[in-house]
Protein backbone atom coordinates (compact mmCIF):
# COMPACT_ATOMS: atom_id res chain seq x y z
CA MET A 1 96.30 93.15 94.84
CA SER A 2 96.47 91.67 91.34
CA VAL A 3 99.74 91.19 89.52
CA THR A 4 98.23 89.35 86.56
CA PRO A 5 99.96 90.54 83.37
CA PHE A 6 97.83 91.77 80.50
CA ARG A 7 98.07 89.63 77.37
CA LEU A 8 100.40 91.90 75.46
CA PRO A 9 102.33 91.11 72.26
CA VAL A 10 106.06 90.50 72.38
CA ILE A 11 107.91 93.75 71.75
CA SER A 12 111.42 93.58 70.40
CA ARG A 13 114.29 94.33 72.73
CA LEU A 14 115.41 97.04 70.33
CA ARG A 15 112.05 98.78 70.61
CA ARG A 16 112.16 98.64 74.41
CA GLU A 17 115.68 100.05 74.38
CA ALA A 18 114.51 102.86 72.11
CA ILE A 19 111.67 103.74 74.48
CA GLU A 20 114.03 103.73 77.48
CA GLU A 21 116.57 105.85 75.61
CA VAL A 22 113.92 108.46 74.83
CA LEU A 23 112.75 108.45 78.46
CA SER A 24 116.35 108.98 79.59
CA ARG A 25 116.22 112.30 77.73
CA GLY A 26 113.01 113.35 79.45
CA LEU A 27 110.85 112.68 76.39
CA ARG A 28 108.25 110.17 75.21
CA ILE A 29 108.20 107.93 72.20
CA ASP A 30 105.33 110.00 70.72
CA GLY A 31 107.68 112.99 70.50
CA VAL A 32 105.12 115.25 72.19
CA ARG A 33 105.05 114.62 75.92
CA ASP A 34 107.49 114.46 78.79
CA PRO A 35 107.35 111.52 81.23
CA PHE A 36 105.08 113.38 83.66
CA THR A 37 102.35 114.70 81.35
CA PRO A 38 99.16 112.79 80.44
CA ARG A 39 97.92 112.67 76.87
CA ASN A 40 95.22 115.04 75.67
CA VAL A 41 91.96 114.17 77.37
CA LYS A 42 88.39 114.97 76.38
CA VAL A 43 85.24 114.15 78.35
CA GLU A 44 81.76 114.36 76.82
CA VAL A 45 78.58 113.58 78.78
CA GLY A 46 75.02 112.72 77.82
CA VAL A 47 76.04 110.58 74.86
CA ILE A 48 73.48 107.79 75.45
CA GLU A 49 69.92 109.10 75.39
CA LYS A 50 68.27 106.08 77.03
CA ALA A 51 70.68 105.87 79.98
CA GLU A 52 70.24 107.69 83.29
CA GLY A 53 73.76 109.05 82.76
CA SER A 54 76.55 108.53 80.24
CA ALA A 55 79.97 109.74 79.16
CA LEU A 56 82.58 109.25 76.45
CA VAL A 57 86.25 109.73 77.32
CA LYS A 58 89.08 110.09 74.84
CA LEU A 59 92.54 109.79 76.40
CA GLY A 60 94.93 110.07 73.50
CA ASN A 61 93.63 107.40 71.14
CA THR A 62 92.05 105.35 73.93
CA GLN A 63 88.26 105.63 74.04
CA VAL A 64 85.94 104.43 76.80
CA MET A 65 82.18 104.89 77.05
CA ALA A 66 80.27 104.60 80.32
CA GLY A 67 76.56 104.25 80.86
CA VAL A 68 74.61 104.47 84.12
CA LYS A 69 71.34 102.63 84.59
CA VAL A 70 69.24 102.96 87.75
CA ASP A 71 66.73 100.33 88.77
CA VAL A 72 64.90 99.19 91.89
CA GLY A 73 66.20 96.19 93.80
CA THR A 74 66.87 94.81 97.25
CA PRO A 75 69.78 95.95 99.44
CA PHE A 76 72.57 93.69 100.62
CA ARG A 77 71.81 91.99 103.93
CA ASP A 78 74.73 93.64 105.70
CA THR A 79 73.77 97.14 104.43
CA PRO A 80 69.95 97.31 104.59
CA ASP A 81 70.07 101.10 104.81
CA GLN A 82 72.10 101.65 101.62
CA GLY A 83 71.55 101.47 97.90
CA VAL A 84 73.70 99.33 95.64
CA LEU A 85 76.51 100.30 93.24
CA THR A 86 77.79 97.81 90.66
CA VAL A 87 80.52 98.35 88.05
CA HIS A 88 80.94 96.13 84.98
CA ALA A 89 83.54 96.39 82.19
CA GLU A 90 83.31 94.98 78.68
CA PHE A 91 86.25 94.85 76.29
CA VAL A 92 84.59 95.29 72.90
CA PRO A 93 86.44 92.95 70.48
CA LEU A 94 86.67 95.65 67.78
CA ALA A 95 88.69 97.85 70.17
CA SER A 96 91.85 95.74 70.01
CA PRO A 97 93.23 92.54 68.47
CA LEU A 98 93.87 91.43 72.05
CA PHE A 99 90.17 91.38 72.94
CA GLU A 100 88.19 88.23 72.28
CA PRO A 101 84.42 87.67 72.21
CA GLY A 102 82.89 86.03 75.25
CA PRO A 103 82.40 86.69 78.94
CA PRO A 104 84.66 89.19 80.77
CA ASP A 105 88.16 87.83 81.37
CA GLU A 106 90.33 88.50 84.41
CA ASN A 107 91.58 91.80 82.97
CA ALA A 108 88.06 93.17 82.48
CA ILE A 109 87.14 91.99 85.98
CA GLU A 110 90.22 93.65 87.45
CA LEU A 111 89.45 96.93 85.66
CA ALA A 112 85.86 96.95 86.95
CA ARG A 113 87.00 96.16 90.50
CA VAL A 114 89.57 98.96 90.54
CA VAL A 115 86.94 101.49 89.47
CA ASP A 116 84.36 100.03 91.86
CA ARG A 117 86.69 100.06 94.87
CA SER A 118 87.89 103.59 94.20
CA LEU A 119 84.30 104.86 94.13
CA ARG A 120 83.17 102.74 97.06
CA GLU A 121 86.13 103.38 99.38
CA VAL A 122 85.55 107.12 99.55
CA GLY A 123 81.76 106.91 99.32
CA ALA A 124 81.63 108.81 96.03
CA VAL A 125 77.98 107.85 95.63
CA ASP A 126 75.79 108.64 98.63
CA LEU A 127 74.27 105.16 98.88
CA GLY A 128 72.36 106.11 102.02
CA SER A 129 70.23 108.49 99.94
CA LEU A 130 69.17 105.72 97.58
CA VAL A 131 66.90 103.89 100.03
CA ILE A 132 63.21 103.65 99.16
CA ARG A 133 62.15 101.26 101.94
CA PRO A 134 64.92 100.29 104.41
CA GLY A 135 65.80 96.64 104.18
CA ASP A 136 63.41 96.09 101.29
CA LYS A 137 63.67 98.41 98.30
CA VAL A 138 66.58 100.59 97.18
CA PHE A 139 67.93 102.08 94.01
CA VAL A 140 70.56 99.93 92.29
CA VAL A 141 73.09 101.92 90.25
CA TRP A 142 74.70 100.00 87.39
CA VAL A 143 77.82 101.47 85.79
CA ASP A 144 78.75 99.75 82.52
CA LEU A 145 82.13 100.49 80.94
CA TYR A 146 82.73 99.78 77.25
CA ILE A 147 86.29 99.87 75.91
CA LEU A 148 85.88 101.17 72.34
CA ASP A 149 89.50 101.79 71.35
CA HIS A 150 92.50 100.50 73.29
CA ASP A 151 95.70 102.51 73.01
CA GLY A 152 96.87 102.05 76.59
CA ASN A 153 95.91 103.13 80.10
CA LEU A 154 92.39 101.77 80.34
CA PHE A 155 92.31 102.40 84.09
CA ASP A 156 92.44 106.20 83.95
CA ALA A 157 90.12 106.49 80.95
CA SER A 158 87.57 104.11 82.54
CA MET A 159 87.65 105.90 85.90
CA LEU A 160 87.06 109.23 84.17
CA ALA A 161 84.21 107.79 82.11
CA ALA A 162 82.54 106.22 85.15
CA MET A 163 82.84 109.39 87.24
CA ALA A 164 81.58 111.64 84.44
CA ALA A 165 78.61 109.35 83.77
CA LEU A 166 77.70 109.34 87.47
CA LEU A 167 77.89 113.13 87.57
CA ASN A 168 75.64 113.26 84.51
CA ALA A 169 73.12 110.77 85.94
CA ARG A 170 69.60 111.65 87.04
CA LEU A 171 67.35 109.44 89.16
CA PRO A 172 64.16 108.30 87.43
CA HIS A 173 60.85 109.22 89.03
CA TYR A 174 59.13 106.42 90.91
CA GLU A 175 55.75 105.77 92.49
CA GLU A 176 54.78 103.31 95.21
CA LEU A 177 51.48 101.58 94.51
CA GLU A 178 49.01 100.49 97.19
CA THR A 179 50.25 96.94 96.65
CA GLY A 180 53.74 98.04 97.66
CA GLU A 181 55.07 97.69 94.14
CA ILE A 182 57.55 100.33 93.01
CA VAL A 183 56.95 101.62 89.50
CA ILE A 184 59.67 103.60 87.69
CA ASP A 185 58.86 106.30 85.15
CA ARG A 186 62.00 106.75 83.04
CA SER A 187 60.43 109.58 81.07
CA ARG A 188 60.92 111.73 84.17
CA ARG A 189 64.49 112.10 85.39
CA GLU A 190 64.49 114.95 87.83
CA GLU A 191 66.90 114.61 90.75
CA PRO A 192 70.65 114.26 90.16
CA LEU A 193 72.26 111.11 91.47
CA PRO A 194 73.48 112.02 95.01
CA LEU A 195 77.27 112.21 94.98
CA ARG A 196 79.68 113.20 97.72
CA HIS A 197 83.07 113.09 95.97
CA ARG A 198 84.73 113.24 92.58
CA VAL A 199 87.38 110.59 91.95
CA VAL A 200 90.05 110.14 89.28
CA SER A 201 92.82 107.59 88.89
CA VAL A 202 96.35 108.18 87.61
CA THR A 203 98.50 105.35 86.24
CA VAL A 204 102.29 105.42 86.38
CA ALA A 205 104.31 102.81 84.49
CA LYS A 206 107.79 101.57 85.35
CA ILE A 207 109.88 100.99 82.24
CA GLY A 208 113.36 99.88 83.17
CA ARG A 209 114.78 102.59 85.42
CA TYR A 210 112.18 105.16 84.41
CA LEU A 211 108.67 106.15 85.47
CA ALA A 212 106.07 107.55 83.08
CA VAL A 213 102.51 108.70 83.67
CA ASP A 214 99.60 107.68 81.40
CA PRO A 215 101.45 105.05 79.33
CA ASP A 216 100.19 104.46 75.81
CA PHE A 217 99.79 100.95 74.43
CA GLU A 218 103.39 100.57 73.30
CA GLU A 219 104.77 101.83 76.61
CA GLU A 220 102.48 99.47 78.51
CA SER A 221 103.72 96.63 76.34
CA VAL A 222 107.31 97.09 77.55
CA SER A 223 106.54 98.16 81.12
CA ASP A 224 107.71 96.09 84.08
CA ALA A 225 104.83 97.18 86.31
CA ARG A 226 102.15 99.82 86.69
CA LEU A 227 100.77 101.58 89.74
CA VAL A 228 97.24 102.98 89.64
CA PHE A 229 96.57 105.68 92.24
CA SER A 230 93.02 106.96 92.83
CA PHE A 231 92.42 110.40 94.34
CA ASP A 232 89.39 112.37 95.45
CA GLU A 233 89.04 116.10 94.82
CA THR A 234 90.96 116.94 98.01
CA GLY A 235 94.00 114.94 96.90
CA ARG A 236 93.31 112.12 99.33
CA ILE A 237 94.43 108.66 98.16
CA VAL A 238 91.34 106.44 97.91
CA GLY A 239 92.82 103.46 96.08
CA ILE A 240 96.06 101.86 94.89
CA GLN A 241 96.49 98.94 92.49
CA LYS A 242 99.63 97.28 91.12
CA THR A 243 99.63 95.41 87.84
CA GLY A 244 102.46 93.60 86.11
CA GLU A 245 105.06 91.17 87.44
CA GLY A 246 107.91 93.64 87.99
CA ALA A 247 108.95 94.91 91.40
CA LEU A 248 109.19 98.49 92.62
CA SER A 249 111.37 99.86 95.38
CA ILE A 250 110.02 102.06 98.16
CA GLU A 251 111.73 105.00 96.48
CA GLU A 252 110.07 104.22 93.15
CA ILE A 253 106.64 103.92 94.76
CA THR A 254 107.13 107.25 96.54
CA ARG A 255 108.23 108.90 93.31
CA ALA A 256 105.36 107.35 91.37
CA LEU A 257 102.90 108.73 93.92
CA GLU A 258 104.39 112.21 93.53
CA ILE A 259 104.11 111.97 89.74
CA ALA A 260 100.51 110.76 89.95
CA LYS A 261 99.47 113.46 92.40
CA ASN A 262 100.92 116.17 90.16
CA ALA A 263 99.10 114.76 87.12
CA ALA A 264 95.69 114.31 88.77
CA PRO A 265 94.63 117.98 88.28
CA VAL A 266 94.70 117.41 84.50
CA TYR A 267 91.96 114.81 84.84
CA PHE A 268 89.97 116.82 87.38
CA LYS A 269 90.06 119.82 85.03
CA ALA A 270 88.69 117.72 82.16
CA LEU A 271 85.98 116.39 84.47
CA ASP A 272 85.04 119.85 85.72
CA GLU A 273 84.87 121.23 82.18
CA ALA A 274 82.50 118.46 81.13
CA VAL A 275 80.36 118.57 84.29
CA PRO A 276 80.85 121.88 86.12
CA GLN A 277 80.54 121.79 89.86
CA PRO A 278 77.53 123.59 91.36
CA GLY A 279 78.32 127.24 91.85
CA ALA A 280 81.36 127.10 89.62
């Protein structure tokens, strides 16, 4: 569990006190929300023509794009009968003054791992259906996350973008030649990527004595800690991550879980509107 703090600017004590004072009255600094309501969320799929699947998520002013690419590769030695899922996150420098050019830093790696583990733990992608030749050739699913505009809560926006892109993805047609070579025809994307679960994450920030869901950038900047809860469509917890150096009591963790669970339907609704479930 990572507790590495994000590289946030120093916020004045007066500003932190103002945010806490507003929270004490059951409001948010934006003057619109209460502590338990996420920002407006919009999910759009099919935004990258060349990808097997893609999505753009706007959570307040935070924007994350996800692209899915499917290729042929070899399975891991310990799972010869399963395909491969890999998640990568890139913090585009134009998205925030905090982001610098270069290879992914520890924060980008942490973000990718949280999304990856949440998908993998519950088996959101049916990796067993991605085998072409057991132990030799399988489909490899790459999920690339691009942070386009950072105004707080990258975890929830990235999880939504990844899940929506996977739901939008179609497997490319392939042929096996007499030589054993697998040839992919990306002009033919017919079968949907086999999925078994839908997953969203909900982030709750601790700011002084108060808890607030979906913190924006300023709220994150003054937060003591954040808890990221991941849920599947049944409400089952499939992942938990703590960030920040502050401590939480058992009572605060229990309350944060309750807040997150109550907020999760907002994200599932946005996901279902963008990619309706079969038969819905």
